Amino acid sequence: MSAQLYDLGRWCFHRRGRVIGFWMVLLLVLGGGAAAVMRPLDDTFQIPGASSQAAFDQLRMTFPEAADVGATMMVSLPPGRTVHEPDLRAAIEAGVADIEREPFVLGSLSP
């Protein structure tokens, strides 16, 4: 096996221009093919027919705001510092404002 790999490496070395060209063409073909069949990303998850999916759909129809997914983000501070200090508070508020600008965020609360 090592002799075969040696021969392959030697062959590639002596024809390095062709080998690099082949890999570039292959990369372009695969990249172009991937770009041609690419679809937009979809982050929804559904299991049609599952009882939990039926309950989630009913919840969304009855209470749309309750069916939204929530997340909690933690802010850790250096020891001995509090969120009431002006510089830290400004940094936290700027971070909350950045999160609020995301199109999928419906609301946020600052500490």
PDB file of N, CA and C in Angstrom:
ATOM      1  N   MET A   1       0.827  -1.193   0.000  1.00  0.00           N
ATOM      2  CA  MET A   1       0.000   0.000   0.000  1.00  0.00           C
ATOM      3  C   MET A   1       0.871   1.257   0.000  1.00  0.00           C
ATOM      4  N   SER A   2       1.950   1.242   0.788  1.00  0.00           N
ATOM      5  CA  SER A   2       2.801   2.428   0.847  1.00  0.00           C
ATOM      6  C   SER A   2       3.488   2.674  -0.501  1.00  0.00           C
ATOM      7  N   ALA A   3       3.802   1.614  -1.232  1.00  0.00           N
ATOM      8  CA  ALA A   3       4.415   1.781  -2.546  1.00  0.00           C
ATOM      9  C   ALA A   3       3.434   2.431  -3.517  1.00  0.00           C
ATOM     10  N   GLN A   4       2.161   2.054  -3.416  1.00  0.00           N
ATOM     11  CA  GLN A   4       1.151   2.644  -4.293  1.00  0.00           C
ATOM     12  C   GLN A   4       0.948   4.123  -3.975  1.00  0.00           C
ATOM     13  N   LEU A   5       0.924   4.452  -2.698  1.00  0.00           N
ATOM     14  CA  LEU A   5       0.779   5.852  -2.305  1.00  0.00           C
ATOM     15  C   LEU A   5       2.001   6.667  -2.725  1.00  0.00           C
ATOM     16  N   TYR A   6       3.170   6.064  -2.623  1.00  0.00           N
ATOM     17  CA  TYR A   6       4.390   6.731  -3.072  1.00  0.00           C
ATOM     18  C   TYR A   6       4.311   7.021  -4.570  1.00  0.00           C
ATOM     19  N   ASP A   7       3.899   6.020  -5.329  1.00  0.00           N
ATOM     20  CA  ASP A   7       3.777   6.208  -6.774  1.00  0.00           C
ATOM     21  C   ASP A   7       2.751   7.290  -7.113  1.00  0.00           C
ATOM     22  N   LEU A   8       1.637   7.298  -6.407  1.00  0.00           N
ATOM     23  CA  LEU A   8       0.614   8.320  -6.637  1.00  0.00           C
ATOM     24  C   LEU A   8       1.153   9.708  -6.303  1.00  0.00           C
ATOM     25  N   GLY A   9       1.826   9.830  -5.193  1.00  0.00           N
ATOM     26  CA  GLY A   9       2.411  11.116  -4.808  1.00  0.00           C
ATOM     27  C   GLY A   9       3.448  11.584  -5.799  1.00  0.00           C
ATOM     28  N   ARG A  10       4.268  10.667  -6.271  1.00  0.00           N
ATOM     29  CA  ARG A  10       5.293  11.011  -7.259  1.00  0.00           C
ATOM     30  C   ARG A  10       4.650  11.447  -8.576  1.00  0.00           C
ATOM     31  N   TRP A  11       3.626  10.711  -9.000  1.00  0.00           N
ATOM     32  CA  TRP A  11       2.913  11.050 -10.230  1.00  0.00           C
ATOM     33  C   TRP A  11       2.301  12.449 -10.117  1.00  0.00           C
ATOM     34  N   CYS A  12       1.649  12.718  -8.953  1.00  0.00           N
ATOM     35  CA  CYS A  12       1.037  14.035  -8.732  1.00  0.00           C
ATOM     36  C   CYS A  12       2.093  15.137  -8.705  1.00  0.00           C
ATOM     37  N   PHE A  13       3.244  14.861  -8.107  1.00  0.00           N
ATOM     38  CA  PHE A  13       4.298  15.862  -8.043  1.00  0.00           C
ATOM     39  C   PHE A  13       4.803  16.220  -9.436  1.00  0.00           C
ATOM     40  N   HIS A  14       5.011  15.233 -10.268  1.00  0.00           N
ATOM     41  CA  HIS A  14       5.538  15.481 -11.611  1.00  0.00           C
ATOM     42  C   HIS A  14       4.497  16.143 -12.520  1.00  0.00           C
ATOM     43  N   ARG A  15       3.243  16.021 -12.184  1.00  0.00           N
ATOM     44  CA  ARG A  15       2.174  16.639 -12.977  1.00  0.00           C
ATOM     45  C   ARG A  15       1.371  17.617 -12.111  1.00  0.00           C
ATOM     46  N   ARG A  16       2.081  18.345 -11.271  1.00  0.00           N
ATOM     47  CA  ARG A  16       1.413  19.192 -10.276  1.00  0.00           C
ATOM     48  C   ARG A  16       0.524  20.257 -10.908  1.00  0.00           C
ATOM     49  N   GLY A  17       0.895  20.792 -12.027  1.00  0.00           N
ATOM     50  CA  GLY A  17       0.057  21.797 -12.690  1.00  0.00           C
ATOM     51  C   GLY A  17      -1.279  21.215 -13.112  1.00  0.00           C
ATOM     52  N   ARG A  18      -1.222  20.040 -13.711  1.00  0.00           N
ATOM     53  CA  ARG A  18      -2.466  19.375 -14.124  1.00  0.00           C
ATOM     54  C   ARG A  18      -3.313  18.975 -12.927  1.00  0.00           C
ATOM     55  N   VAL A  19      -2.656  18.478 -11.879  1.00  0.00           N
ATOM     56  CA  VAL A  19      -3.385  18.040 -10.678  1.00  0.00           C
ATOM     57  C   VAL A  19      -4.079  19.226 -10.018  1.00  0.00           C
ATOM     58  N   ILE A  20      -3.376  20.339  -9.887  1.00  0.00           N
ATOM     59  CA  ILE A  20      -3.987  21.541  -9.294  1.00  0.00           C
ATOM     60  C   ILE A  20      -5.122  22.036 -10.186  1.00  0.00           C
ATOM     61  N   GLY A  21      -4.905  22.034 -11.490  1.00  0.00           N
ATOM     62  CA  GLY A  21      -5.965  22.433 -12.419  1.00  0.00           C
ATOM     63  C   GLY A  21      -7.180  21.526 -12.305  1.00  0.00           C
ATOM     64  N   PHE A  22      -6.943  20.208 -12.207  1.00  0.00           N
ATOM     65  CA  PHE A  22      -8.053  19.265 -12.053  1.00  0.00           C
ATOM     66  C   PHE A  22      -8.858  19.557 -10.791  1.00  0.00           C
ATOM     67  N   TRP A  23      -8.156  19.791  -9.677  1.00  0.00           N
ATOM     68  CA  TRP A  23      -8.855  20.064  -8.418  1.00  0.00           C
ATOM     69  C   TRP A  23      -9.623  21.386  -8.472  1.00  0.00           C
ATOM     70  N   MET A  24      -9.062  22.381  -9.153  1.00  0.00           N
ATOM     71  CA  MET A  24      -9.760  23.663  -9.293  1.00  0.00           C
ATOM     72  C   MET A  24     -11.028  23.498 -10.127  1.00  0.00           C
ATOM     73  N   VAL A  25     -10.916  22.765 -11.239  1.00  0.00           N
ATOM     74  CA  VAL A  25     -12.094  22.520 -12.079  1.00  0.00           C
ATOM     75  C   VAL A  25     -13.137  21.735 -11.302  1.00  0.00           C
ATOM     76  N   LEU A  26     -12.701  20.704 -10.585  1.00  0.00           N
ATOM     77  CA  LEU A  26     -13.637  19.913  -9.785  1.00  0.00           C
ATOM     78  C   LEU A  26     -14.324  20.769  -8.726  1.00  0.00           C
ATOM     79  N   LEU A  27     -13.569  21.641  -8.077  1.00  0.00           N
ATOM     80  CA  LEU A  27     -14.137  22.539  -7.070  1.00  0.00           C
ATOM     81  C   LEU A  27     -15.156  23.483  -7.696  1.00  0.00           C
ATOM     82  N   LEU A  28     -14.835  24.035  -8.863  1.00  0.00           N
ATOM     83  CA  LEU A  28     -15.767  24.932  -9.545  1.00  0.00           C
ATOM     84  C   LEU A  28     -17.031  24.205  -9.986  1.00  0.00           C
ATOM     85  N   VAL A  29     -16.888  22.995 -10.498  1.00  0.00           N
ATOM     86  CA  VAL A  29     -18.056  22.228 -10.940  1.00  0.00           C
ATOM     87  C   VAL A  29     -18.942  21.883  -9.747  1.00  0.00           C
ATOM     88  N   LEU A  30     -18.345  21.382  -8.674  1.00  0.00           N
ATOM     89  CA  LEU A  30     -19.138  21.033  -7.495  1.00  0.00           C
ATOM     90  C   LEU A  30     -19.750  22.268  -6.843  1.00  0.00           C
ATOM     91  N   GLY A  31     -18.970  23.355  -6.764  1.00  0.00           N
ATOM     92  CA  GLY A  31     -19.503  24.599  -6.197  1.00  0.00           C
ATOM     93  C   GLY A  31     -20.621  25.163  -7.041  1.00  0.00           C
ATOM     94  N   GLY A  32     -20.454  25.143  -8.365  1.00  0.00           N
ATOM     95  CA  GLY A  32     -21.504  25.618  -9.259  1.00  0.00           C
ATOM     96  C   GLY A  32     -22.745  24.758  -9.178  1.00  0.00           C
ATOM     97  N   GLY A  33     -22.552  23.442  -9.097  1.00  0.00           N
ATOM     98  CA  GLY A  33     -23.702  22.539  -8.943  1.00  0.00           C
ATOM     99  C   GLY A  33     -24.426  22.771  -7.641  1.00  0.00           C
ATOM    100  N   ALA A  34     -23.673  22.972  -6.573  1.00  0.00           N
ATOM    101  CA  ALA A  34     -24.300  23.243  -5.275  1.00  0.00           C
ATOM    102  C   ALA A  34     -25.053  24.562  -5.299  1.00  0.00           C
ATOM    103  N   ALA A  35     -24.474  25.581  -5.939  1.00  0.00           N
ATOM    104  CA  ALA A  35     -25.145  26.883  -6.027  1.00  0.00           C
ATOM    105  C   ALA A  35     -26.401  26.793  -6.885  1.00  0.00           C
ATOM    106  N   ALA A  36     -26.375  25.939  -7.907  1.00  0.00           N
ATOM    107  CA  ALA A  36     -27.523  25.814  -8.812  1.00  0.00           C
ATOM    108  C   ALA A  36     -28.717  25.150  -8.131  1.00  0.00           C
ATOM    109  N   VAL A  37     -28.461  24.199  -7.253  1.00  0.00           N
ATOM    110  CA  VAL A  37     -29.569  23.480  -6.615  1.00  0.00           C
ATOM    111  C   VAL A  37     -29.859  23.983  -5.203  1.00  0.00           C
ATOM    112  N   MET A  38     -29.153  25.019  -4.770  1.00  0.00           N
ATOM    113  CA  MET A  38     -29.325  25.527  -3.415  1.00  0.00           C
ATOM    114  C   MET A  38     -30.720  26.130  -3.221  1.00  0.00           C
ATOM    115  N   ARG A  39     -31.322  25.813  -2.100  1.00  0.00           N
ATOM    116  CA  ARG A  39     -32.612  26.385  -1.731  1.00  0.00           C
ATOM    117  C   ARG A  39     -32.410  27.243  -0.492  1.00  0.00           C
ATOM    118  N   PRO A  40     -33.318  28.197  -0.256  1.00  0.00           N
ATOM    119  CA  PRO A  40     -33.199  28.987   0.968  1.00  0.00           C
ATOM    120  C   PRO A  40     -33.372  28.093   2.203  1.00  0.00           C
ATOM    121  N   LEU A  41     -32.690  28.457   3.268  1.00  0.00           N
ATOM    122  CA  LEU A  41     -32.783  27.681   4.500  1.00  0.00           C
ATOM    123  C   LEU A  41     -34.155  27.863   5.147  1.00  0.00           C
ATOM    124  N   ASP A  42     -34.638  26.796   5.732  1.00  0.00           N
ATOM    125  CA  ASP A  42     -35.936  26.813   6.401  1.00  0.00           C
ATOM    126  C   ASP A  42     -35.746  26.220   7.789  1.00  0.00           C
ATOM    127  N   ASP A  43     -35.997  27.009   8.825  1.00  0.00           N
ATOM    128  CA  ASP A  43     -35.770  26.528  10.173  1.00  0.00           C
ATOM    129  C   ASP A  43     -37.047  26.056  10.872  1.00  0.00           C
ATOM    130  N   THR A  44     -38.101  25.816  10.126  1.00  0.00           N
ATOM    131  CA  THR A  44     -39.326  25.298  10.735  1.00  0.00           C
ATOM    132  C   THR A  44     -39.211  23.788  10.883  1.00  0.00           C
ATOM    133  N   PHE A  45     -39.879  23.283  11.879  1.00  0.00           N
ATOM    134  CA  PHE A  45     -39.853  21.847  12.146  1.00  0.00           C
ATOM    135  C   PHE A  45     -41.274  21.394  12.399  1.00  0.00           C
ATOM    136  N   GLN A  46     -41.756  20.474  11.591  1.00  0.00           N
ATOM    137  CA  GLN A  46     -43.111  19.966  11.747  1.00  0.00           C
ATOM    138  C   GLN A  46     -43.108  18.457  11.570  1.00  0.00           C
ATOM    139  N   ILE A  47     -43.965  17.801  12.332  1.00  0.00           N
ATOM    140  CA  ILE A  47     -44.180  16.368  12.190  1.00  0.00           C
ATOM    141  C   ILE A  47     -45.675  16.185  11.946  1.00  0.00           C
ATOM    142  N   PRO A  48     -46.106  16.192  10.681  1.00  0.00           N
ATOM    143  CA  PRO A  48     -47.532  16.076  10.399  1.00  0.00           C
ATOM    144  C   PRO A  48     -48.115  14.781  10.978  1.00  0.00           C
ATOM    145  N   GLY A  49     -49.262  14.925  11.596  1.00  0.00           N
ATOM    146  CA  GLY A  49     -49.946  13.767  12.161  1.00  0.00           C
ATOM    147  C   GLY A  49     -49.583  13.475  13.603  1.00  0.00           C
ATOM    148  N   ALA A  50     -48.515  14.057  14.126  1.00  0.00           N
ATOM    149  CA  ALA A  50     -48.129  13.814  15.517  1.00  0.00           C
ATOM    150  C   ALA A  50     -49.068  14.590  16.433  1.00  0.00           C
ATOM    151  N   SER A  51     -49.400  13.999  17.574  1.00  0.00           N
ATOM    152  CA  SER A  51     -50.319  14.665  18.500  1.00  0.00           C
ATOM    153  C   SER A  51     -49.727  15.967  19.024  1.00  0.00           C
ATOM    154  N   SER A  52     -48.417  16.018  19.223  1.00  0.00           N
ATOM    155  CA  SER A  52     -47.797  17.257  19.691  1.00  0.00           C
ATOM    156  C   SER A  52     -47.885  18.346  18.618  1.00  0.00           C
ATOM    157  N   GLN A  53     -47.793  17.967  17.342  1.00  0.00           N
ATOM    158  CA  GLN A  53     -47.925  18.943  16.269  1.00  0.00           C
ATOM    159  C   GLN A  53     -49.350  19.487  16.220  1.00  0.00           C
ATOM    160  N   ALA A  54     -50.338  18.605  16.418  1.00  0.00           N
ATOM    161  CA  ALA A  54     -51.735  19.056  16.438  1.00  0.00           C
ATOM    162  C   ALA A  54     -51.959  20.020  17.598  1.00  0.00           C
ATOM    163  N   ALA A  55     -51.384  19.720  18.764  1.00  0.00           N
ATOM    164  CA  ALA A  55     -51.530  20.599  19.921  1.00  0.00           C
ATOM    165  C   ALA A  55     -50.843  21.942  19.664  1.00  0.00           C
ATOM    166  N   PHE A  56     -49.682  21.910  19.057  1.00  0.00           N
ATOM    167  CA  PHE A  56     -48.963  23.153  18.750  1.00  0.00           C
ATOM    168  C   PHE A  56     -49.756  23.994  17.750  1.00  0.00           C
ATOM    169  N   ASP A  57     -50.325  23.359  16.726  1.00  0.00           N
ATOM    170  CA  ASP A  57     -51.138  24.083  15.741  1.00  0.00           C
ATOM    171  C   ASP A  57     -52.362  24.707  16.402  1.00  0.00           C
ATOM    172  N   GLN A  58     -53.008  23.964  17.307  1.00  0.00           N
ATOM    173  CA  GLN A  58     -54.172  24.492  18.024  1.00  0.00           C
ATOM    174  C   GLN A  58     -53.764  25.666  18.916  1.00  0.00           C
ATOM    175  N   LEU A  59     -52.630  25.541  19.581  1.00  0.00           N
ATOM    176  CA  LEU A  59     -52.123  26.622  20.426  1.00  0.00           C
ATOM    177  C   LEU A  59     -51.838  27.865  19.592  1.00  0.00           C
ATOM    178  N   ARG A  60     -51.251  27.671  18.411  1.00  0.00           N
ATOM    179  CA  ARG A  60     -50.948  28.806  17.538  1.00  0.00           C
ATOM    180  C   ARG A  60     -52.225  29.486  17.058  1.00  0.00           C
ATOM    181  N   MET A  61     -53.297  28.721  16.803  1.00  0.00           N
ATOM    182  CA  MET A  61     -54.564  29.317  16.358  1.00  0.00           C
ATOM    183  C   MET A  61     -55.248  30.060  17.501  1.00  0.00           C
ATOM    184  N   THR A  62     -55.210  29.485  18.709  1.00  0.00           N
ATOM    185  CA  THR A  62     -55.910  30.078  19.845  1.00  0.00           C
ATOM    186  C   THR A  62     -55.122  31.228  20.469  1.00  0.00           C
ATOM    187  N   PHE A  63     -53.855  30.994  20.750  1.00  0.00           N
ATOM    188  CA  PHE A  63     -52.993  31.991  21.389  1.00  0.00           C
ATOM    189  C   PHE A  63     -51.699  32.124  20.579  1.00  0.00           C
ATOM    190  N   PRO A  64     -51.694  32.926  19.524  1.00  0.00           N
ATOM    191  CA  PRO A  64     -50.505  33.011  18.664  1.00  0.00           C
ATOM    192  C   PRO A  64     -49.240  33.435  19.412  1.00  0.00           C
ATOM    193  N   GLU A  65     -49.388  34.347  20.370  1.00  0.00           N
ATOM    194  CA  GLU A  65     -48.208  34.817  21.091  1.00  0.00           C
ATOM    195  C   GLU A  65     -47.621  33.745  22.000  1.00  0.00           C
ATOM    196  N   ALA A  66     -48.434  32.790  22.455  1.00  0.00           N
ATOM    197  CA  ALA A  66     -47.937  31.729  23.331  1.00  0.00           C
ATOM    198  C   ALA A  66     -47.197  30.653  22.553  1.00  0.00           C
ATOM    199  N   ALA A  67     -47.414  30.584  21.254  1.00  0.00           N
ATOM    200  CA  ALA A  67     -46.772  29.549  20.449  1.00  0.00           C
ATOM    201  C   ALA A  67     -45.383  29.953  19.985  1.00  0.00           C
ATOM    202  N   ASP A  68     -44.976  31.187  20.223  1.00  0.00           N
ATOM    203  CA  ASP A  68     -43.640  31.611  19.827  1.00  0.00           C
ATOM    204  C   ASP A  68     -42.597  30.964  20.720  1.00  0.00           C
ATOM    205  N   VAL A  69     -41.446  30.729  20.149  1.00  0.00           N
ATOM    206  CA  VAL A  69     -40.355  30.116  20.887  1.00  0.00           C
ATOM    207  C   VAL A  69     -39.580  31.215  21.600  1.00  0.00           C
ATOM    208  N   GLY A  70     -39.168  30.955  22.824  1.00  0.00           N
ATOM    209  CA  GLY A  70     -38.420  31.934  23.605  1.00  0.00           C
ATOM    210  C   GLY A  70     -37.020  31.449  23.906  1.00  0.00           C
ATOM    211  N   ALA A  71     -36.171  32.375  24.253  1.00  0.00           N
ATOM    212  CA  ALA A  71     -34.797  32.046  24.624  1.00  0.00           C
ATOM    213  C   ALA A  71     -34.357  33.003  25.716  1.00  0.00           C
ATOM    214  N   THR A  72     -33.466  32.522  26.555  1.00  0.00           N
ATOM    215  CA  THR A  72     -32.907  33.339  27.623  1.00  0.00           C
ATOM    216  C   THR A  72     -31.426  33.529  27.355  1.00  0.00           C
ATOM    217  N   MET A  73     -30.993  34.772  27.456  1.00  0.00           N
ATOM    218  CA  MET A  73     -29.580  35.081  27.256  1.00  0.00           C
ATOM    219  C   MET A  73     -29.028  35.618  28.561  1.00  0.00           C
ATOM    220  N   MET A  74     -27.907  35.090  28.975  1.00  0.00           N
ATOM    221  CA  MET A  74     -27.292  35.489  30.232  1.00  0.00           C
ATOM    222  C   MET A  74     -26.158  36.480  29.969  1.00  0.00           C
ATOM    223  N   VAL A  75     -26.025  37.444  30.861  1.00  0.00           N
ATOM    224  CA  VAL A  75     -24.929  38.401  30.806  1.00  0.00           C
ATOM    225  C   VAL A  75     -24.075  38.153  32.041  1.00  0.00           C
ATOM    226  N   SER A  76     -22.807  37.833  31.826  1.00  0.00           N
ATOM    227  CA  SER A  76     -21.934  37.624  32.986  1.00  0.00           C
ATOM    228  C   SER A  76     -21.054  38.858  33.148  1.00  0.00           C
ATOM    229  N   LEU A  77     -20.909  39.292  34.367  1.00  0.00           N
ATOM    230  CA  LEU A  77     -20.147  40.507  34.683  1.00  0.00           C
ATOM    231  C   LEU A  77     -18.882  40.142  35.448  1.00  0.00           C
ATOM    232  N   PRO A  78     -17.884  41.002  35.378  1.00  0.00           N
ATOM    233  CA  PRO A  78     -16.684  40.772  36.188  1.00  0.00           C
ATOM    234  C   PRO A  78     -17.056  40.787  37.678  1.00  0.00           C
ATOM    235  N   PRO A  79     -16.312  40.069  38.501  1.00  0.00           N
ATOM    236  CA  PRO A  79     -16.609  40.038  39.940  1.00  0.00           C
ATOM    237  C   PRO A  79     -16.626  41.438  40.538  1.00  0.00           C
ATOM    238  N   GLY A  80     -17.631  41.693  41.360  1.00  0.00           N
ATOM    239  CA  GLY A  80     -17.749  42.969  42.053  1.00  0.00           C
ATOM    240  C   GLY A  80     -18.429  44.061  41.255  1.00  0.00           C
ATOM    241  N   ARG A  81     -18.830  43.796  40.024  1.00  0.00           N
ATOM    242  CA  ARG A  81     -19.486  44.809  39.194  1.00  0.00           C
ATOM    243  C   ARG A  81     -20.973  44.491  39.102  1.00  0.00           C
ATOM    244  N   THR A  82     -21.792  45.516  38.894  1.00  0.00           N
ATOM    245  CA  THR A  82     -23.238  45.327  38.794  1.00  0.00           C
ATOM    246  C   THR A  82     -23.747  45.939  37.494  1.00  0.00           C
ATOM    247  N   VAL A  83     -24.965  45.571  37.122  1.00  0.00           N
ATOM    248  CA  VAL A  83     -25.557  46.098  35.883  1.00  0.00           C
ATOM    249  C   VAL A  83     -25.936  47.559  36.028  1.00  0.00           C
ATOM    250  N   HIS A  84     -25.876  48.099  37.213  1.00  0.00           N
ATOM    251  CA  HIS A  84     -26.261  49.493  37.438  1.00  0.00           C
ATOM    252  C   HIS A  84     -25.126  50.470  37.148  1.00  0.00           C
ATOM    253  N   GLU A  85     -23.917  49.962  36.895  1.00  0.00           N
ATOM    254  CA  GLU A  85     -22.809  50.846  36.564  1.00  0.00           C
ATOM    255  C   GLU A  85     -23.016  51.365  35.136  1.00  0.00           C
ATOM    256  N   PRO A  86     -22.813  52.668  34.932  1.00  0.00           N
ATOM    257  CA  PRO A  86     -23.151  53.280  33.637  1.00  0.00           C
ATOM    258  C   PRO A  86     -22.471  52.638  32.422  1.00  0.00           C
ATOM    259  N   ASP A  87     -21.187  52.322  32.533  1.00  0.00           N
ATOM    260  CA  ASP A  87     -20.504  51.758  31.356  1.00  0.00           C
ATOM    261  C   ASP A  87     -21.015  50.360  31.021  1.00  0.00           C
ATOM    262  N   LEU A  88     -21.236  49.535  32.045  1.00  0.00           N
ATOM    263  CA  LEU A  88     -21.760  48.195  31.799  1.00  0.00           C
ATOM    264  C   LEU A  88     -23.206  48.252  31.316  1.00  0.00           C
ATOM    265  N   ARG A  89     -23.983  49.132  31.902  1.00  0.00           N
ATOM    266  CA  ARG A  89     -25.380  49.256  31.497  1.00  0.00           C
ATOM    267  C   ARG A  89     -25.479  49.674  30.027  1.00  0.00           C
ATOM    268  N   ALA A  90     -24.610  50.606  29.608  1.00  0.00           N
ATOM    269  CA  ALA A  90     -24.617  51.045  28.211  1.00  0.00           C
ATOM    270  C   ALA A  90     -24.237  49.895  27.277  1.00  0.00           C
ATOM    271  N   ALA A  91     -23.266  49.087  27.669  1.00  0.00           N
ATOM    272  CA  ALA A  91     -22.856  47.949  26.839  1.00  0.00           C
ATOM    273  C   ALA A  91     -23.973  46.913  26.741  1.00  0.00           C
ATOM    274  N   ILE A  92     -24.644  46.660  27.852  1.00  0.00           N
ATOM    275  CA  ILE A  92     -25.753  45.697  27.850  1.00  0.00           C
ATOM    276  C   ILE A  92     -26.900  46.218  26.998  1.00  0.00           C
ATOM    277  N   GLU A  93     -27.234  47.480  27.140  1.00  0.00           N
ATOM    278  CA  GLU A  93     -28.323  48.065  26.346  1.00  0.00           C
ATOM    279  C   GLU A  93     -27.992  48.031  24.856  1.00  0.00           C
ATOM    280  N   ALA A  94     -26.721  48.266  24.510  1.00  0.00           N
ATOM    281  CA  ALA A  94     -26.316  48.193  23.102  1.00  0.00           C
ATOM    282  C   ALA A  94     -26.463  46.768  22.573  1.00  0.00           C
ATOM    283  N   GLY A  95     -26.117  45.782  23.393  1.00  0.00           N
ATOM    284  CA  GLY A  95     -26.281  44.381  22.997  1.00  0.00           C
ATOM    285  C   GLY A  95     -27.739  44.007  22.813  1.00  0.00           C
ATOM    286  N   VAL A  96     -28.589  44.472  23.716  1.00  0.00           N
ATOM    287  CA  VAL A  96     -30.030  44.211  23.601  1.00  0.00           C
ATOM    288  C   VAL A  96     -30.581  44.872  22.342  1.00  0.00           C
ATOM    289  N   ALA A  97     -30.110  46.072  22.027  1.00  0.00           N
ATOM    290  CA  ALA A  97     -30.558  46.762  20.814  1.00  0.00           C
ATOM    291  C   ALA A  97     -30.122  46.007  19.561  1.00  0.00           C
ATOM    292  N   ASP A  98     -28.910  45.432  19.576  1.00  0.00           N
ATOM    293  CA  ASP A  98     -28.448  44.626  18.440  1.00  0.00           C
ATOM    294  C   ASP A  98     -29.333  43.401  18.246  1.00  0.00           C
ATOM    295  N   ILE A  99     -29.691  42.749  19.335  1.00  0.00           N
ATOM    296  CA  ILE A  99     -30.558  41.570  19.260  1.00  0.00           C
ATOM    297  C   ILE A  99     -31.944  41.964  18.764  1.00  0.00           C
ATOM    298  N   GLU A 100     -32.429  43.087  19.220  1.00  0.00           N
ATOM    299  CA  GLU A 100     -33.775  43.558  18.851  1.00  0.00           C
ATOM    300  C   GLU A 100     -33.870  43.841  17.348  1.00  0.00           C
ATOM    301  N   ARG A 101     -32.763  44.178  16.707  1.00  0.00           N
ATOM    302  CA  ARG A 101     -32.776  44.480  15.268  1.00  0.00           C
ATOM    303  C   ARG A 101     -32.881  43.245  14.397  1.00  0.00           C
ATOM    304  N   GLU A 102     -32.682  42.062  14.937  1.00  0.00           N
ATOM    305  CA  GLU A 102     -32.791  40.833  14.151  1.00  0.00           C
ATOM    306  C   GLU A 102     -34.231  40.648  13.701  1.00  0.00           C
ATOM    307  N   PRO A 103     -34.457  40.214  12.452  1.00  0.00           N
ATOM    308  CA  PRO A 103     -35.826  40.129  11.931  1.00  0.00           C
ATOM    309  C   PRO A 103     -36.696  39.073  12.615  1.00  0.00           C
ATOM    310  N   PHE A 104     -36.081  38.060  13.220  1.00  0.00           N
ATOM    311  CA  PHE A 104     -36.861  37.000  13.845  1.00  0.00           C
ATOM    312  C   PHE A 104     -37.150  37.250  15.312  1.00  0.00           C
ATOM    313  N   VAL A 105     -36.656  38.353  15.877  1.00  0.00           N
ATOM    314  CA  VAL A 105     -36.877  38.669  17.284  1.00  0.00           C
ATOM    315  C   VAL A 105     -38.124  39.524  17.400  1.00  0.00           C
ATOM    316  N   LEU A 106     -39.088  39.038  18.193  1.00  0.00           N
ATOM    317  CA  LEU A 106     -40.339  39.762  18.374  1.00  0.00           C
ATOM    318  C   LEU A 106     -40.269  40.732  19.549  1.00  0.00           C
ATOM    319  N   GLY A 107     -39.413  40.481  20.490  1.00  0.00           N
ATOM    320  CA  GLY A 107     -39.295  41.361  21.646  1.00  0.00           C
ATOM    321  C   GLY A 107     -38.144  40.909  22.534  1.00  0.00           C
ATOM    322  N   SER A 108     -37.693  41.815  23.379  1.00  0.00           N
ATOM    323  CA  SER A 108     -36.624  41.485  24.313  1.00  0.00           C
ATOM    324  C   SER A 108     -36.780  42.334  25.569  1.00  0.00           C
ATOM    325  N   LEU A 109     -36.189  41.864  26.649  1.00  0.00           N
ATOM    326  CA  LEU A 109     -36.207  42.576  27.919  1.00  0.00           C
ATOM    327  C   LEU A 109     -34.775  42.774  28.394  1.00  0.00           C
ATOM    328  N   SER A 110     -34.481  43.962  28.827  1.00  0.00           N
ATOM    329  CA  SER A 110     -33.142  44.247  29.345  1.00  0.00           C
ATOM    330  C   SER A 110     -33.157  44.066  30.865  1.00  0.00           C
ATOM    331  N   PRO A 111     -32.040  43.616  31.415  1.00  0.00           N
ATOM    332  CA  PRO A 111     -32.023  43.457  32.880  1.00  0.00           C
ATOM    333  C   PRO A 111     -32.080  44.786  33.579  1.00  0.00           C
TER     334      PRO A 111
END
